[in-house]
C-alpha cells in the first residue's frame, strides 16, 4: 500500500472530511489528499497574523517591543489566559505574539489584529501567494449577522504547506524573522494532534526535542487542524498539514476522533519517510541491492 493510500484509508475512518498536504523538504516527496479544498482555519490563521506582525516590524511600521494596553474591547472567551488578567496590563507585541501562538490566546490575537489591521493581514496573504487564505474577522463567539462569515478564517492545506515551507527556507520576511517565528512555534503547548503518536526525545535541561516540532493547531466545533515543521538534527525537514471538518465527534477533549486521526495520519507519514531514509542510507553503504 502506498503512503497516499494509507493516508486515504486513515482519513476515511476519521468521521469527517480531511485534507492533507505533506512534503519532505529533504527529498521533495509530497503527499496530497484534498489538499486544495478550502477549510475553516480556526486558530491556524494566527500564523498569518504572526507573519504580518514580523513584516510590519521589519519595515518599521511597528516595534516588537511596543507595548499595548489590555482593555475590555479586546476581551473574548476561549483559549488563552489574558482574559483572566486585569485591564491595564501592557505586554509587548512580541509577548502578545508568543501568547497567541503557544497557548492560542484569543485576547492577544484580537489585540494584534486590531493593531496590525485586518486588511493588512489579508494583503500579506496575497503577497505570499496564498490566494485562498483569509482572516475574516476578530475572534468572537457572538452569533454572526447576515452576510457575515461563520469561519474565523479560511485556507487550504496546500497553502499552509507553502507558508511553512517559506518559514523553513527563511524566505518569509527575512531569514532572521523566519527563524524567530519558528522558534515561537516550537514552544507550542498543544501537542495532541500531529505530534501525538510521534516518537521523540526531550531534554528537560535544554528544553530541546529531536526532532524539533514547530506546530500550530486550530479547533472549533466539528473542526480540528494542525500544521507542523519537523526539523531533525541531521538536517532533514518535513512539513505536515492535516485539516478536518464536518467531524461527527464534537467533544472538547484530546480524545476527539479528529485529533487522534490527525495523529495517525502524521504517524503514517513518519513511518513511511523514516523507513525510506533507512533504505537510502543502507543503499549508500552498499548493504542493499
Protein backbone atom coordinates (compact mmCIF):
# COMPACT_ATOMS: atom_id res chain seq x y z
CA UNK A 1 0.00 0.00 0.00
CA UNK A 2 1.36 3.40 -0.98
CA UNK A 3 1.63 6.22 1.55
CA UNK A 4 -1.19 8.12 -0.15
CA UNK A 5 -3.41 5.03 0.02
CA UNK A 6 -2.63 4.63 3.73
CA UNK A 7 -3.38 8.30 4.40
CA UNK A 8 -6.65 7.99 2.48
CA UNK A 9 -7.58 4.87 4.49
CA UNK A 10 -6.91 6.58 7.84
CA UNK A 11 -8.80 9.71 6.81
CA UNK A 12 -11.71 7.60 5.59
CA UNK A 13 -12.10 6.15 9.07
CA UNK A 14 -11.90 9.58 10.74
CA UNK A 15 -15.55 10.51 10.81
CA UNK A 16 -15.23 13.70 8.78
CA UNK A 17 -13.71 15.34 5.70
CA UNK A 18 -9.91 15.57 5.75
CA UNK A 19 -7.30 17.44 3.76
CA UNK A 20 -3.61 16.57 3.89
CA UNK A 21 -0.53 18.25 2.44
CA UNK A 22 2.89 16.99 3.46
CA UNK A 23 6.34 17.48 2.00
CA UNK A 24 9.72 16.00 2.79
CA UNK A 25 11.89 19.04 2.08
CA UNK A 26 14.98 16.83 2.01
CA UNK A 27 13.76 14.62 -0.83
CA UNK A 28 10.92 16.61 -2.39
CA UNK A 29 8.42 13.80 -1.82
CA UNK A 30 4.94 15.28 -1.44
CA UNK A 31 1.66 13.72 -0.34
CA UNK A 32 -1.66 15.44 -1.02
CA UNK A 33 -5.21 14.40 -0.22
CA UNK A 34 -7.91 17.03 -0.87
CA UNK A 35 -5.07 19.50 -0.32
CA UNK A 36 -6.68 22.24 -2.43
CA UNK A 37 -10.05 22.12 -0.68
CA UNK A 38 -10.96 25.12 1.46
CA UNK A 39 -11.16 24.55 5.22
CA UNK A 40 -12.08 26.64 8.24
CA UNK A 41 -8.71 27.62 9.69
CA UNK A 42 -9.86 28.08 13.28
CA UNK A 43 -6.73 29.21 15.16
CA UNK A 44 -4.28 28.14 12.44
CA UNK A 45 -4.90 31.59 10.91
CA UNK A 46 -2.92 33.03 13.82
CA UNK A 47 0.25 32.01 11.96
CA UNK A 48 -0.64 34.57 9.27
CA UNK A 49 -1.21 37.23 11.95
CA UNK A 50 2.27 36.47 13.29
CA UNK A 51 3.79 36.78 9.83
CA UNK A 52 2.21 40.20 9.31
CA UNK A 53 3.48 41.33 12.71
CA UNK A 54 7.04 40.44 11.75
CA UNK A 55 6.58 42.02 8.31
CA UNK A 56 5.48 45.31 9.86
CA UNK A 57 8.30 45.13 12.39
CA UNK A 58 10.74 44.61 9.53
CA UNK A 59 9.53 47.69 7.63
CA UNK A 60 9.38 49.85 10.76
CA UNK A 61 5.59 50.21 11.00
CA UNK A 62 5.62 48.67 14.47
CA UNK A 63 8.20 47.58 17.02
CA UNK A 64 8.14 44.15 18.57
CA UNK A 65 8.94 45.89 21.87
CA UNK A 66 5.97 48.27 21.57
CA UNK A 67 3.54 47.84 24.45
CA UNK A 68 -0.22 47.59 24.09
CA UNK A 69 -2.63 48.03 26.99
CA UNK A 70 -5.21 45.35 27.68
CA UNK A 71 -8.74 46.66 27.95
CA UNK A 72 -12.28 45.36 27.63
CA UNK A 73 -12.66 45.92 23.87
CA UNK A 74 -10.29 43.01 23.20
CA UNK A 75 -11.80 40.53 25.65
CA UNK A 76 -13.21 37.26 24.36
CA UNK A 77 -13.57 33.76 25.76
CA UNK A 78 -11.99 30.58 24.53
CA UNK A 79 -8.33 29.66 24.66
CA UNK A 80 -5.67 31.69 26.44
CA UNK A 81 -5.12 33.43 29.76
CA UNK A 82 -5.18 37.18 29.12
CA UNK A 83 -8.94 37.29 29.56
CA UNK A 84 -8.32 36.47 33.22
CA UNK A 85 -5.98 39.43 33.76
CA UNK A 86 -6.82 42.95 34.86
CA UNK A 87 -7.15 45.79 32.39
CA UNK A 88 -4.06 47.96 32.13
CA UNK A 89 -1.59 45.12 31.68
CA UNK A 90 0.76 46.21 28.87
CA UNK A 91 2.57 43.31 27.20
CA UNK A 92 4.85 43.89 24.23
CA UNK A 93 3.70 42.94 20.75
CA UNK A 94 6.25 40.12 20.87
CA UNK A 95 4.71 38.91 24.13
CA UNK A 96 1.24 39.02 22.58
CA UNK A 97 2.51 37.06 19.58
CA UNK A 98 4.04 34.41 21.82
CA UNK A 99 0.79 34.02 23.78
CA UNK A 100 -1.23 33.94 20.54
CA UNK A 101 0.85 31.06 19.19
CA UNK A 102 1.93 28.85 22.07
CA UNK A 103 -1.35 28.89 24.03
CA UNK A 104 -3.55 30.23 21.19
CA UNK A 105 -4.58 33.22 23.29
CA UNK A 106 -7.68 34.81 21.74
CA UNK A 107 -7.38 38.15 23.54
CA UNK A 108 -3.77 38.50 22.36
CA UNK A 109 -4.97 37.71 18.85
CA UNK A 110 -7.65 40.40 18.89
CA UNK A 111 -5.14 42.93 20.20
CA UNK A 112 -2.69 42.14 17.41
CA UNK A 113 -5.32 42.09 14.66
CA UNK A 114 -6.55 45.49 15.85
CA UNK A 115 -3.02 46.91 15.91
CA UNK A 116 -1.93 45.48 12.56
CA UNK A 117 -5.18 45.86 10.62
CA UNK A 118 -7.37 43.16 9.10
CA UNK A 119 -6.78 44.40 5.55
CA UNK A 120 -3.01 44.42 6.05
CA UNK A 121 -3.09 40.82 7.29
CA UNK A 122 -5.04 39.69 4.24
CA UNK A 123 -2.80 41.66 1.91
CA UNK A 124 0.10 39.80 3.48
CA UNK A 125 -1.55 36.55 2.39
CA UNK A 126 -1.87 37.92 -1.15
CA UNK A 127 1.79 38.95 -1.20
CA UNK A 128 2.78 35.43 -0.17
CA UNK A 129 0.68 33.94 -2.98
CA UNK A 130 -1.90 32.47 -0.58
CA UNK A 131 -4.98 33.23 -2.67
CA UNK A 132 -7.41 31.09 -0.66
CA UNK A 133 -6.19 32.18 2.77
CA UNK A 134 -8.16 34.89 4.58
CA UNK A 135 -8.79 36.18 8.07
CA UNK A 136 -12.44 37.18 8.13
CA UNK A 137 -12.87 39.00 11.44
CA UNK A 138 -11.82 39.42 15.03
CA UNK A 139 -12.43 36.43 17.28
CA UNK A 140 -15.94 36.49 18.68
CA UNK A 141 -18.37 33.83 19.83
CA UNK A 142 -21.42 36.03 19.35
CA UNK A 143 -23.95 34.94 16.70
CA UNK A 144 -22.92 36.17 13.26
CA UNK A 145 -25.13 38.63 11.43
CA UNK A 146 -26.50 38.46 7.88
CA UNK A 147 -23.71 38.28 5.33
CA UNK A 148 -21.03 37.67 7.97
CA UNK A 149 -18.77 34.66 7.78
CA UNK A 150 -19.07 31.98 10.43
CA UNK A 151 -15.44 31.00 9.89
CA UNK A 152 -12.71 32.96 11.62
CA UNK A 153 -10.59 32.32 8.56
CA UNK A 154 -10.22 30.03 5.58
CA UNK A 155 -7.29 28.35 3.86
CA UNK A 156 -6.23 25.14 2.15
CA UNK A 157 -3.77 22.54 3.44
CA UNK A 158 -1.55 23.20 0.43
CA UNK A 159 -1.37 26.96 1.10
CA UNK A 160 -0.36 26.34 4.72
CA UNK A 161 2.27 23.94 3.41
CA UNK A 162 3.56 26.74 1.17
CA UNK A 163 3.68 29.18 4.09
CA UNK A 164 5.55 26.76 6.30
CA UNK A 165 7.98 25.92 3.52
CA UNK A 166 8.79 29.62 3.26
CA UNK A 167 9.43 29.73 7.01
CA UNK A 168 11.64 26.67 6.80
CA UNK A 169 13.67 28.18 3.95
CA UNK A 170 13.94 31.55 5.71
CA UNK A 171 12.15 33.44 2.96
CA UNK A 172 9.16 34.77 4.94
CA UNK A 173 10.00 38.41 5.78
CA UNK A 174 13.69 37.57 6.35
CA UNK A 175 15.83 34.67 7.46
CA UNK A 176 16.04 36.11 10.98
CA UNK A 177 12.30 36.73 11.21
CA UNK A 178 11.54 33.25 9.86
CA UNK A 179 13.85 31.70 12.43
CA UNK A 180 12.22 33.60 15.29
CA UNK A 181 8.73 32.67 14.13
CA UNK A 182 9.71 29.01 14.01
CA UNK A 183 11.25 29.31 17.47
CA UNK A 184 7.95 30.63 18.82
CA UNK A 185 6.02 27.86 17.05
CA UNK A 186 8.37 25.27 18.54
CA UNK A 187 7.23 26.34 22.05
CA UNK A 188 3.68 25.24 21.26
CA UNK A 189 1.75 23.82 24.23
CA UNK A 190 -0.90 21.96 22.20
CA UNK A 191 0.66 18.68 21.08
CA UNK A 192 -2.33 16.31 20.88
CA UNK A 193 -2.62 16.16 17.08
CA UNK A 194 0.39 15.87 14.72
CA UNK A 195 2.98 15.19 17.47
CA UNK A 196 0.61 12.84 19.33
CA UNK A 197 1.96 9.47 18.18
CA UNK A 198 5.41 10.56 17.01
CA UNK A 199 8.42 9.20 18.88
CA UNK A 200 10.78 11.86 20.12
CA UNK A 201 13.35 12.55 22.79
CA UNK A 202 13.07 15.53 25.08
CA UNK A 203 15.91 17.11 27.07
CA UNK A 204 14.43 18.64 30.22
CA UNK A 205 17.60 20.69 30.79
CA UNK A 206 17.83 22.36 27.38
CA UNK A 207 14.15 22.15 26.50
CA UNK A 208 15.11 20.73 23.10
CA UNK A 209 13.50 17.77 21.40
CA UNK A 210 14.51 15.56 18.48
CA UNK A 211 13.01 16.31 16.11
CA UNK A 212 12.12 19.93 16.81
CA UNK A 213 8.39 20.26 16.12
CA UNK A 214 7.02 23.73 15.34
CA UNK A 215 3.25 23.43 15.07
CA UNK A 216 0.01 25.38 15.31
CA UNK A 217 -3.36 23.84 15.97
CA UNK A 218 -6.88 25.10 15.41
CA UNK A 219 -10.21 23.88 16.72
CA UNK A 220 -13.86 24.86 16.68
CA UNK A 221 -16.88 22.58 16.86
CA UNK A 222 -16.59 19.98 14.11
CA UNK A 223 -13.14 21.23 13.07
CA UNK A 224 -9.63 20.12 14.03
CA UNK A 225 -6.44 21.31 12.28
CA UNK A 226 -2.71 21.12 12.77
CA UNK A 227 0.35 22.04 10.73
CA UNK A 228 3.91 21.31 11.76
CA UNK A 229 7.51 21.59 10.67
CA UNK A 230 9.67 18.71 11.87
CA UNK A 231 13.36 19.59 11.87
CA UNK A 232 15.88 16.85 12.64
CA UNK A 233 19.39 17.42 13.92
CA UNK A 234 20.83 15.78 10.80
CA UNK A 235 19.22 18.47 8.64
CA UNK A 236 16.10 16.66 7.44
CA UNK A 237 12.95 18.78 7.39
CA UNK A 238 9.37 17.66 6.93
CA UNK A 239 6.14 19.66 6.82
CA UNK A 240 2.82 18.02 7.62
CA UNK A 241 -0.55 19.80 7.40
CA UNK A 242 -3.76 17.96 8.27
CA UNK A 243 -7.16 19.69 8.33
CA UNK A 244 -10.51 18.17 9.31
CA UNK A 245 -14.07 19.48 9.02
CA UNK A 246 -17.58 18.08 9.32
CA UNK A 247 -16.43 15.94 12.23
CA UNK A 248 -19.02 13.67 13.78
CA UNK A 249 -17.18 13.81 17.10
CA UNK A 250 -17.70 17.26 18.63
CA UNK A 251 -16.22 16.50 22.06
CA UNK A 252 -13.85 19.11 23.50
CA UNK A 253 -11.32 16.52 24.54
CA UNK A 254 -7.91 15.30 23.43
CA UNK A 255 -9.74 12.03 22.75
CA UNK A 256 -11.67 13.71 19.95
CA UNK A 257 -11.60 11.42 16.92
CA UNK A 258 -10.42 14.26 14.68
CA UNK A 259 -7.36 14.95 16.82
CA UNK A 260 -6.48 11.27 17.02
CA UNK A 261 -6.97 10.81 13.27
CA UNK A 262 -4.62 13.72 12.57
CA UNK A 263 -2.10 12.00 14.83
CA UNK A 264 -2.48 8.70 12.98
CA UNK A 265 -2.02 10.42 9.59
CA UNK A 266 1.17 12.07 10.87
CA UNK A 267 2.47 8.75 12.20
CA UNK A 268 1.83 7.03 8.85
CA UNK A 269 3.86 9.75 7.12
CA UNK A 270 6.59 9.44 9.76
CA UNK A 271 6.85 5.66 9.34
CA UNK A 272 6.98 5.87 5.54
CA UNK A 273 9.63 8.59 5.41
CA UNK A 274 11.75 7.18 8.23
CA UNK A 275 11.80 3.76 6.56
CA UNK A 276 12.63 5.32 3.19
CA UNK A 277 15.55 7.17 4.80
CA UNK A 278 16.82 3.94 6.35
CA UNK A 279 16.74 2.21 2.99
CA UNK A 280 18.57 5.10 1.30
CA UNK A 281 21.28 5.10 3.95
CA UNK A 282 21.67 1.35 3.69
CA UNK A 283 21.93 1.54 -0.07
CA UNK A 284 24.61 4.22 0.17
CA UNK A 285 26.57 1.95 2.48
CA UNK A 286 26.31 -0.87 -0.02
CA UNK A 287 24.27 -3.19 2.18
CA UNK A 288 21.22 -3.20 -0.05
CA UNK A 289 20.92 -4.09 -3.72
